[in-house]
Structures are given as structure tokens and as C-alpha cells.
Amino acid sequence: MGKFIVIVLDSFGVGAMDDVPKVRAQDIGSNTALHIIKNKPDLKIPHLLKLGLMNTIGEEWKDFTFSKGANWGTSNLSHQGADSFLGHQEIMGTIPPIPLNEPFNASIDRVKAHLIEQGYSVREVGEKNEPKILVVNDCVTVGDNLETDLGQVYNVSGCLDIISFEDLTKIGKAVRDVVKVSRVITFGGENVSLDDLLNARKVKDGGFAGVDAPESGVYDEGYQVVHLGYGIDPNVQIPTILDKENIDVSLIGKVADIVQTKSDRLFPGVDSQYLFDQLMKQVDEISHGFICLNIQETDLAGHGEDVERYADRLEVSDKNIGQLLSKLSKDDILIVMADHGNDPTIGHSQHTRERVPLLIYSKGMQDKQIGNRETMSDVAATVSDYFKVAKPANGESFLSKLK
């Protein structure tokens, strides 16, 4: 009996992948962890260093030195690009196929026809010479996501005073069935009317039409969301595999929004200390189960190109990781990792395609190296090996290397 805990320090990469010159030239030279250390020499992260952070970076710098006896490895990204949603699907054991990138109006006729076939009332909204959005059952809109890179994501936005989140999700899944973009984000809020959604309708770059979600007020009260990814089958991901075996699963932070499970141990949120507090409670409550925490504020600091903020969030994380280590038994395994990079010093505000650290702790374990893994799905495969359950769709276990 024991716990397998994964902490994802979102965007905390340890050096550009070898394919970066060919596929993402803007990321050449990126190394999120090392550059934060060099730009913040008074950074205090003793527990991350003891776990082997500099070992994963592959070089020492001043007082930031290799850790003797650490258990560690690194991993490449096997998904296209450097994306938090795709990265977490990879960590959970699947490699999604490459999605299309296109405006919603390239799919609007197909989506409209499919929804009508499913029995929904559907109409188009928009001026004569501009791209349209759809209104479904007079309480849901479907259109482009205007907050992320255009063409990657469609939004299905609903008024939860009129439609239940369960029924809204059915509409989202119907849209997901006939489009090939990376994500269909299905979400709704309370005290939001169709007029609120339509009054926030906007057109960007001539070809993209959608509802400005923050402006609509849909986030303000009773917000619920599910992210539906292209080519994602939760049945072959480790949370669902564990669900079927009645093994506890707890997802904390952003991972609770973007990874599917039937567990009710879901704790979405952003504030790092709040999320670590939830983690500590779950560690106390669960004797045998899988816990995954995503710390998103590091990624937000990367997007803001803010070294000081990034360093502060690392120090908060390090302090809490130290407290967590003292609570773990010899049967428990902890992995601290990332999902990509987001180097705040590289000269742009987007994710960077970097290898990620795999810092491994189990009481009494010393000096175990697992090498550079080809996919982060090896983490999910190791979780399945630990719990002796069916393997996920992708990945190879490294549990034997830790014995």
C-alpha cells in the first residue's frame, strides 16, 4: 500500500530539445531552470537541488551544484510543440494525433448539421460579411476561442441557469465529434444570459469569431469547465485505468480541468499555496492512490517574462516540497517534473520546447538514474506498473530501474 505522487511545475524545463533548430527556431538556447538560477543567484530552492535539479540540467553554476545520491532522469516531449494540455495528456499516457489549425467557420456547416441531427435547435449569429458563431437551444454559443492562439481551440459556452453542465457537456462532445482542432473547451457560468454571451461576441483578424469569455462574465460565478482534446481517449489514460480498479485518484490544480477522471477528488485552482494545501490534505487522506498536482503560476510567470515572479513561485513550491518529503513513507514515490519550458529570458512570451526534469524521491532510495526518456508517458506507464494495473496507451515503465 502506498501513494504515487506527481508534481508538475508547469513550464520548468531544463534545456532545449535537440529538434528545436528544425521545428522551433525561436526556442534555440532556451533553458528555463538554468536561466532563472543565473538571473536570480540568491534563489533558495534547497529541496529541488537535493532532489537533483542541477543533475537534470547537466551543469553546475556557482553554489548550485550536482546532488550526490539523487534519483533523477529527464524526458523529451513526444507531443508536437510545447503545450500544457497536450503535455498533460502525454504524462497520463497518450500521444494525441496532430490537430488541424483552422477558424471555426471552416467547420461551422459540419457542426451545425451534426447538432441538428442530434435534435438541437441551432442558428447562426453574425453580420452579413463576417464569420458567424452558432447559438444552440438559445442558451449556448459555439465559436472560436479568442484568448489563445487563434485557430487552435473552439469554445462551447453555456448559461448554467438554463442548461445543466451535464447537458452542456453533451453539446461539447457533439462538437468534438466532428472537428479536428486541438481542443473544444466546454464551459458555463451562473447568472449569465444569452444576451451577455452575444454582447461579448467579437471578430478577430477577419476570419475568427467567438465570445470574449472574460467580458461575457461566464467566469464570474458557478463556473464549470471540461477540456475535450482531439484524439484523447481517457479510457487508456492512467486516471481512468485506476478509476476502474477502484484506486483513489486525486487531481489538483490545472490538471483537474484538463485530464478526465470519474474521481470526485478534484481541486482546480491557481494559487500555489492553496494547491499545496490541498495536496497535503490528500496525502493525509489517501493511503493507496495516485495524486497529481499542477503548479500553474510558474507558467504564468514565464508568459509574463517575469524572472522575479517565477523565482518566487519556485521558492514557495520548494518549501512545500520539503514539507511533503517528511510525510512520505518508504512505500510512496514522488516525481517532480514539468510539461515543457517557458523561459522568461529567451525573448518571447510563449512556451519553449525543452526537456523536462524527472526528480524522484522514495524514502531510502539513493543514486538511481533513469536516463533521458523519449516520452513523458513513461511516467504513466510507471504508475501502472506501481499499482499493477493495465498499461496506458503509451509509455514504458522505469520502475525496475528504481528497485
Protein backbone atom coordinates (compact mmCIF):
# COMPACT_ATOMS: atom_id res chain seq x y z
CA MET A 1 0.00 0.00 0.00
CA GLY A 2 1.37 3.36 -0.95
CA LYS A 3 0.94 6.61 -2.86
CA PHE A 4 2.36 7.67 -6.21
CA ILE A 5 2.54 11.47 -6.37
CA VAL A 6 3.40 13.57 -9.41
CA ILE A 7 4.04 17.31 -9.04
CA VAL A 8 4.16 19.17 -12.35
CA LEU A 9 5.94 22.52 -12.02
CA ASP A 10 4.31 23.85 -15.15
CA SER A 11 6.90 25.05 -17.71
CA PHE A 12 10.02 24.30 -15.61
CA GLY A 13 12.13 22.92 -18.49
CA VAL A 14 15.84 22.08 -18.30
CA GLY A 15 17.13 22.79 -21.80
CA ALA A 16 16.07 22.97 -25.43
CA MET A 17 15.39 19.66 -27.15
CA ASP A 18 17.68 18.55 -29.96
CA ASP A 19 14.98 19.09 -32.60
CA VAL A 20 14.44 22.76 -31.70
CA PRO A 21 16.65 24.18 -34.52
CA LYS A 22 14.41 22.39 -37.04
CA VAL A 23 10.97 22.78 -35.51
CA ARG A 24 11.03 25.83 -33.18
CA ALA A 25 13.98 28.06 -34.01
CA GLN A 26 12.68 30.75 -31.65
CA ASP A 27 13.47 28.41 -28.73
CA ILE A 28 17.16 27.88 -29.55
CA GLY A 29 19.19 28.33 -26.36
CA SER A 30 16.24 28.08 -24.01
CA ASN A 31 16.78 26.62 -20.54
CA THR A 32 14.12 27.81 -18.15
CA ALA A 33 15.60 26.41 -14.93
CA LEU A 34 19.21 27.40 -15.59
CA HIS A 35 18.39 30.91 -16.77
CA ILE A 36 16.23 31.62 -13.73
CA ILE A 37 19.07 30.42 -11.49
CA LYS A 38 21.61 32.60 -13.30
CA ASN A 39 19.36 35.65 -13.18
CA LYS A 40 18.38 35.06 -9.55
CA PRO A 41 21.58 33.90 -7.81
CA ASP A 42 20.00 34.25 -4.34
CA LEU A 43 17.24 31.79 -5.29
CA LYS A 44 16.55 29.42 -2.39
CA ILE A 45 15.41 26.00 -3.61
CA PRO A 46 17.37 23.57 -1.40
CA HIS A 47 14.96 20.64 -1.78
CA LEU A 48 14.85 20.81 -5.58
CA LEU A 49 18.65 20.92 -5.60
CA LYS A 50 18.90 17.94 -3.25
CA LEU A 51 16.47 16.03 -5.46
CA GLY A 52 18.88 16.53 -8.35
CA LEU A 53 17.78 19.60 -10.30
CA MET A 54 21.31 20.52 -11.46
CA ASN A 55 21.89 16.88 -12.42
CA THR A 56 18.96 17.14 -14.84
CA ILE A 57 20.25 20.44 -16.24
CA GLY A 58 23.64 18.83 -16.76
CA GLU A 59 25.85 21.60 -15.41
CA GLU A 60 26.66 23.36 -12.16
CA TRP A 61 26.66 27.10 -11.56
CA LYS A 62 28.31 28.68 -8.54
CA ASP A 63 26.61 27.29 -5.41
CA PHE A 64 24.04 25.38 -7.48
CA THR A 65 25.77 22.01 -7.68
CA PHE A 66 25.08 18.38 -8.53
CA SER A 67 23.42 16.29 -5.82
CA LYS A 68 25.16 13.09 -4.80
CA GLY A 69 22.78 10.22 -4.27
CA ALA A 70 19.86 11.87 -6.08
CA ASN A 71 17.40 9.79 -8.11
CA TRP A 72 16.77 11.51 -11.41
CA GLY A 73 16.29 11.50 -15.14
CA THR A 74 14.94 13.71 -17.89
CA SER A 75 12.36 13.35 -20.64
CA ASN A 76 11.81 14.62 -24.13
CA LEU A 77 8.40 15.80 -25.26
CA SER A 78 6.79 13.45 -27.76
CA HIS A 79 3.80 15.69 -28.50
CA GLN A 80 4.01 18.34 -31.18
CA GLY A 81 5.23 21.72 -29.96
CA ALA A 82 5.18 22.61 -26.26
CA ASP A 83 1.67 22.67 -24.89
CA SER A 84 0.29 22.24 -21.36
CA PHE A 85 -2.86 20.45 -22.47
CA LEU A 86 -1.05 18.06 -24.79
CA GLY A 87 1.78 17.71 -22.29
CA HIS A 88 -0.56 16.51 -19.56
CA GLN A 89 -2.27 14.07 -21.91
CA GLU A 90 1.22 12.73 -22.66
CA ILE A 91 2.06 12.47 -18.95
CA MET A 92 -1.17 10.49 -18.46
CA GLY A 93 -0.24 8.00 -21.16
CA THR A 94 -1.48 9.11 -24.58
CA ILE A 95 0.10 10.93 -27.52
CA PRO A 96 -2.66 12.86 -29.29
CA PRO A 97 -2.55 12.97 -33.11
CA ILE A 98 -1.54 16.24 -34.75
CA PRO A 99 -4.63 18.51 -34.83
CA LEU A 100 -5.74 20.94 -37.50
CA ASN A 101 -5.41 24.68 -37.05
CA GLU A 102 -8.37 26.48 -38.62
CA PRO A 103 -11.08 29.04 -37.80
CA PHE A 104 -14.44 27.80 -36.56
CA ASN A 105 -16.10 28.98 -39.76
CA ALA A 106 -14.20 26.29 -41.67
CA SER A 107 -16.23 23.76 -39.64
CA ILE A 108 -19.44 25.67 -38.93
CA ASP A 109 -21.59 23.94 -41.55
CA ARG A 110 -20.50 20.49 -40.40
CA VAL A 111 -21.01 21.34 -36.73
CA LYS A 112 -24.42 22.90 -37.39
CA ALA A 113 -25.62 19.88 -39.38
CA HIS A 114 -24.39 17.44 -36.74
CA LEU A 115 -26.06 19.32 -33.89
CA ILE A 116 -29.35 19.48 -35.80
CA GLU A 117 -29.08 15.72 -36.42
CA GLN A 118 -28.73 15.31 -32.63
CA GLY A 119 -32.01 17.16 -32.13
CA TYR A 120 -30.75 20.61 -31.13
CA SER A 121 -32.14 23.96 -32.25
CA VAL A 122 -29.27 25.78 -33.97
CA ARG A 123 -28.95 29.20 -35.60
CA GLU A 124 -26.11 31.34 -36.89
CA VAL A 125 -25.33 34.79 -35.48
CA GLY A 126 -23.18 37.44 -37.15
CA GLU A 127 -23.24 40.28 -39.62
CA LYS A 128 -23.63 39.55 -43.32
CA ASN A 129 -19.98 39.87 -44.34
CA GLU A 130 -18.31 38.46 -41.24
CA PRO A 131 -17.71 34.98 -39.83
CA LYS A 132 -20.55 33.57 -37.76
CA ILE A 133 -20.95 31.79 -34.43
CA LEU A 134 -23.67 29.28 -33.54
CA VAL A 135 -26.38 29.58 -30.90
CA VAL A 136 -27.71 26.26 -29.63
CA ASN A 137 -31.06 25.93 -27.81
CA ASP A 138 -30.92 29.67 -27.12
CA CYS A 139 -28.53 29.18 -24.20
CA VAL A 140 -25.21 28.03 -25.68
CA THR A 141 -22.76 29.61 -28.13
CA VAL A 142 -20.15 27.85 -30.25
CA GLY A 143 -17.26 29.73 -31.83
CA ASP A 144 -13.56 30.45 -31.82
CA ASN A 145 -11.61 30.77 -28.59
CA LEU A 146 -10.27 34.33 -28.73
CA GLU A 147 -7.93 34.10 -25.71
CA THR A 148 -5.43 31.55 -27.06
CA ASP A 149 -3.59 31.19 -30.39
CA LEU A 150 -6.32 31.63 -32.99
CA GLY A 151 -7.45 28.50 -34.79
CA GLN A 152 -6.38 26.01 -32.12
CA VAL A 153 -9.42 25.97 -29.86
CA TYR A 154 -13.20 26.24 -30.15
CA ASN A 155 -15.37 27.32 -27.22
CA VAL A 156 -18.77 25.93 -26.27
CA SER A 157 -20.12 28.46 -23.75
CA GLY A 158 -23.34 27.99 -21.80
CA CYS A 159 -25.76 29.65 -19.39
CA LEU A 160 -25.90 27.24 -16.46
CA ASP A 161 -29.12 28.74 -15.08
CA ILE A 162 -30.83 27.38 -18.20
CA ILE A 163 -28.84 24.27 -19.10
CA SER A 164 -27.14 21.78 -16.79
CA PHE A 165 -23.39 21.31 -17.10
CA GLU A 166 -24.04 17.66 -17.97
CA ASP A 167 -26.24 18.65 -20.93
CA LEU A 168 -23.79 21.37 -21.93
CA THR A 169 -21.02 18.78 -21.98
CA LYS A 170 -23.11 16.64 -24.35
CA ILE A 171 -23.18 19.57 -26.78
CA GLY A 172 -19.43 20.00 -26.39
CA LYS A 173 -18.86 16.32 -27.14
CA ALA A 174 -21.09 16.57 -30.22
CA VAL A 175 -18.92 19.44 -31.48
CA ARG A 176 -15.77 17.47 -30.61
CA ASP A 177 -17.03 14.55 -32.70
CA VAL A 178 -16.83 16.48 -35.98
CA VAL A 179 -13.87 18.88 -35.62
CA LYS A 180 -10.12 18.28 -35.58
CA VAL A 181 -8.71 21.30 -33.75
CA SER A 182 -6.61 20.70 -30.65
CA ARG A 183 -9.31 21.46 -28.06
CA VAL A 184 -13.02 22.06 -27.63
CA ILE A 185 -13.37 23.85 -24.30
CA THR A 186 -16.87 23.42 -22.90
CA PHE A 187 -17.75 25.72 -20.02
CA GLY A 188 -20.53 27.69 -18.43
CA GLY A 189 -21.40 30.02 -15.60
CA GLU A 190 -24.35 31.06 -13.50
CA ASN A 191 -26.13 34.43 -13.69
CA VAL A 192 -25.08 34.69 -17.34
CA SER A 193 -27.67 35.18 -20.07
CA LEU A 194 -27.52 34.53 -23.78
CA ASP A 195 -27.51 38.31 -24.25
CA ASP A 196 -24.39 38.52 -22.07
CA LEU A 197 -22.67 35.98 -24.32
CA LEU A 198 -23.79 37.62 -27.57
CA ASN A 199 -22.89 41.12 -26.36
CA ALA A 200 -19.33 39.83 -25.92
CA ARG A 201 -19.21 38.40 -29.46
CA LYS A 202 -16.15 39.64 -31.36
CA VAL A 203 -14.37 39.10 -34.67
CA LYS A 204 -10.58 38.93 -34.81
CA ASP A 205 -8.22 39.04 -37.79
CA GLY A 206 -11.16 38.96 -40.17
CA GLY A 207 -11.76 35.21 -40.00
CA PHE A 208 -12.21 34.30 -36.34
CA ALA A 209 -15.48 34.85 -34.49
CA GLY A 210 -16.29 33.95 -30.91
CA VAL A 211 -17.39 35.15 -27.50
CA ASP A 212 -14.87 37.07 -25.39
CA ALA A 213 -15.26 34.82 -22.35
CA PRO A 214 -13.88 37.18 -19.66
CA GLU A 215 -16.01 40.06 -20.97
CA SER A 216 -19.16 37.91 -21.01
CA GLY A 217 -18.95 37.25 -17.27
CA VAL A 218 -19.12 33.49 -17.71
CA TYR A 219 -16.12 33.01 -15.40
CA ASP A 220 -17.53 35.06 -12.54
CA GLU A 221 -19.98 32.74 -10.76
CA GLY A 222 -20.60 28.98 -10.72
CA TYR A 223 -18.00 28.36 -13.43
CA GLN A 224 -17.57 24.77 -14.63
CA VAL A 225 -15.35 23.55 -17.45
CA VAL A 226 -14.17 20.46 -19.30
CA HIS A 227 -11.40 20.42 -21.94
CA LEU A 228 -12.09 17.98 -24.77
CA GLY A 229 -8.91 17.21 -26.68
CA TYR A 230 -8.50 15.88 -30.21
CA GLY A 231 -7.76 12.17 -30.26
CA ILE A 232 -7.98 11.87 -26.47
CA ASP A 233 -9.39 8.59 -25.15
CA PRO A 234 -9.50 8.78 -21.33
CA ASN A 235 -10.09 5.01 -21.16
CA VAL A 236 -6.42 4.39 -21.97
CA GLN A 237 -5.06 7.06 -19.61
CA ILE A 238 -3.82 6.22 -16.14
CA PRO A 239 -6.53 8.08 -14.13
CA THR A 240 -9.37 6.15 -15.80
CA ILE A 241 -7.46 2.88 -15.60
CA LEU A 242 -7.09 3.43 -11.85
CA ASP A 243 -10.74 4.51 -11.57
CA LYS A 244 -11.81 1.15 -12.97
CA GLU A 245 -9.73 -0.64 -10.34
CA ASN A 246 -11.26 1.47 -7.53
CA ILE A 247 -7.87 3.01 -6.72
CA ASP A 248 -8.04 6.58 -5.42
CA VAL A 249 -7.20 9.34 -7.92
CA SER A 250 -6.79 12.99 -6.95
CA LEU A 251 -6.09 15.78 -9.45
CA ILE A 252 -5.12 19.21 -8.12
CA GLY A 253 -4.75 22.50 -9.99
CA LYS A 254 -4.96 22.88 -13.75
CA VAL A 255 -4.67 19.12 -14.26
CA ALA A 256 -8.13 18.80 -12.67
CA ASP A 257 -9.54 20.82 -15.57
CA ILE A 258 -7.70 19.19 -18.46
CA VAL A 259 -7.48 15.49 -17.54
CA GLN A 260 -10.61 13.36 -17.27
CA THR A 261 -11.40 11.06 -14.34
CA LYS A 262 -14.52 9.83 -12.57
CA SER A 263 -12.98 10.62 -9.21
CA ASP A 264 -14.57 13.31 -7.06
CA ARG A 265 -11.16 14.24 -5.62
CA LEU A 266 -10.76 17.22 -7.95
CA PHE A 267 -9.31 20.51 -6.73
CA PRO A 268 -8.98 23.06 -9.55
CA GLY A 269 -7.35 26.39 -8.81
CA VAL A 270 -4.35 28.59 -9.49
CA ASP A 271 -2.89 29.90 -6.21
CA SER A 272 0.18 27.76 -5.49
CA GLN A 273 -0.09 27.71 -1.69
CA TYR A 274 -3.79 26.80 -1.83
CA LEU A 275 -2.98 23.92 -4.17
CA PHE A 276 -0.15 22.63 -1.98
CA ASP A 277 -2.51 22.80 0.99
CA GLN A 278 -4.93 20.56 -0.92
CA LEU A 279 -2.07 18.22 -1.78
CA MET A 280 -1.12 17.85 1.89
CA LYS A 281 -4.73 17.03 2.79
CA GLN A 282 -4.93 14.40 0.06
CA VAL A 283 -1.67 12.82 1.20
CA ASP A 284 -3.15 12.54 4.70
CA GLU A 285 -6.45 11.09 3.46
CA ILE A 286 -5.23 8.66 0.80
CA SER A 287 -3.30 5.58 1.88
CA HIS A 288 -3.17 3.93 -1.56
CA GLY A 289 -3.65 6.03 -4.65
CA PHE A 290 -2.42 8.40 -7.36
CA ILE A 291 -2.16 12.14 -6.79
CA CYS A 292 -1.17 14.68 -9.46
CA LEU A 293 -0.66 18.39 -8.79
CA ASN A 294 -0.05 21.09 -11.39
CA ILE A 295 1.53 24.37 -10.24
CA GLN A 296 0.44 26.83 -12.92
CA GLU A 297 1.81 30.07 -11.50
CA THR A 298 5.32 29.22 -12.72
CA ASP A 299 3.95 29.04 -16.27
CA LEU A 300 2.07 32.31 -15.87
CA ALA A 301 5.31 33.99 -14.75
CA GLY A 302 7.03 32.57 -17.83
CA HIS A 303 4.36 34.03 -20.08
CA GLY A 304 4.87 37.33 -18.30
CA GLU A 305 8.65 37.08 -18.89
CA ASP A 306 8.93 37.75 -15.16
CA VAL A 307 12.01 36.11 -13.61
CA GLU A 308 11.29 37.53 -10.14
CA ARG A 309 7.77 36.13 -10.04
CA TYR A 310 8.92 32.79 -11.42
CA ALA A 311 11.63 32.56 -8.76
CA ASP A 312 9.15 33.44 -6.01
CA ARG A 313 6.78 30.66 -7.11
CA LEU A 314 9.69 28.21 -7.19
CA GLU A 315 10.62 29.10 -3.63
CA VAL A 316 7.03 28.57 -2.48
CA SER A 317 6.99 25.21 -4.28
CA ASP A 318 10.35 24.17 -2.85
CA LYS A 319 9.29 24.94 0.72
CA ASN A 320 6.14 22.86 0.33
CA ILE A 321 8.00 20.01 -1.34
CA GLY A 322 10.28 19.91 1.69
CA GLN A 323 7.26 19.59 3.96
CA LEU A 324 5.82 16.87 1.73
CA LEU A 325 9.01 14.76 1.85
CA SER A 326 8.72 14.45 5.61
CA LYS A 327 5.21 12.99 5.25
CA LEU A 328 6.12 10.19 2.82
CA SER A 329 6.86 6.58 3.73
CA LYS A 330 9.17 4.05 2.07
CA ASP A 331 6.21 2.71 0.04
CA ASP A 332 5.46 6.11 -1.51
CA ILE A 333 7.01 7.50 -4.71
CA LEU A 334 7.19 11.19 -5.61
CA ILE A 335 8.14 12.58 -9.02
CA VAL A 336 8.66 16.31 -9.50
CA MET A 337 8.65 17.21 -13.20
CA ALA A 338 7.48 19.72 -15.80
CA ASP A 339 5.46 19.54 -19.00
CA HIS A 340 7.60 21.81 -21.26
CA GLY A 341 9.57 25.03 -20.80
CA ASN A 342 8.67 28.72 -20.68
CA ASP A 343 11.99 30.54 -20.47
CA PRO A 344 11.31 34.13 -19.33
CA THR A 345 14.70 35.27 -20.64
CA ILE A 346 14.54 33.90 -24.21
CA GLY A 347 12.94 36.98 -25.79
CA HIS A 348 9.36 35.85 -26.34
CA SER A 349 6.43 35.03 -24.07
CA GLN A 350 5.43 31.63 -25.42
CA HIS A 351 6.22 28.12 -24.21
CA THR A 352 9.65 26.74 -25.09
CA ARG A 353 10.27 23.21 -26.33
CA GLU A 354 12.55 21.84 -23.61
CA ARG A 355 13.40 18.57 -21.95
CA VAL A 356 11.78 18.23 -18.53
CA PRO A 357 13.32 17.08 -15.24
CA LEU A 358 12.28 13.87 -13.52
CA LEU A 359 13.22 14.28 -9.86
CA ILE A 360 12.35 11.09 -7.99
CA TYR A 361 12.04 10.51 -4.28
CA SER A 362 11.21 7.48 -2.19
CA LYS A 363 12.36 7.16 1.41
CA GLY A 364 15.64 5.25 1.50
CA MET A 365 16.15 5.26 -2.28
CA GLN A 366 19.51 6.66 -3.46
CA ASP A 367 21.54 7.16 -6.63
CA LYS A 368 19.06 5.80 -9.17
CA GLN A 369 19.24 7.19 -12.71
CA ILE A 370 16.62 6.51 -15.36
CA GLY A 371 18.30 8.33 -18.25
CA ASN A 372 16.62 10.56 -20.82
CA ARG A 373 13.17 9.17 -21.58
CA GLU A 374 11.75 9.57 -25.07
CA THR A 375 8.27 10.42 -23.79
CA MET A 376 6.70 11.76 -20.64
CA SER A 377 4.20 8.89 -20.98
CA ASP A 378 6.83 6.75 -19.27
CA VAL A 379 5.58 8.34 -16.04
CA ALA A 380 2.07 6.95 -16.60
CA ALA A 381 3.50 3.55 -17.51
CA THR A 382 5.49 3.57 -14.27
CA VAL A 383 2.35 4.47 -12.31
CA SER A 384 0.55 1.49 -13.88
CA ASP A 385 3.48 -0.77 -13.00
CA TYR A 386 3.50 0.52 -9.41
CA PHE A 387 -0.22 -0.22 -8.94
CA LYS A 388 -0.11 -3.43 -11.04
CA VAL A 389 -2.90 -2.34 -13.38
CA ALA A 390 -3.29 -2.24 -17.17
CA LYS A 391 -0.77 -0.16 -19.10
CA PRO A 392 -1.81 3.15 -20.65
CA ALA A 393 -1.76 3.55 -24.43
CA ASN A 394 1.79 4.84 -24.49
CA GLY A 395 5.00 4.69 -22.45
CA GLU A 396 7.45 2.26 -20.88
CA SER A 397 7.84 1.82 -17.14
CA PHE A 398 11.11 2.72 -15.42
CA LEU A 399 10.05 1.24 -12.08
CA SER A 400 12.59 -1.59 -12.36
CA LYS A 401 15.39 0.99 -12.50
CA LEU A 402 14.28 2.31 -9.11
CA LYS A 403 14.42 -1.06 -7.35
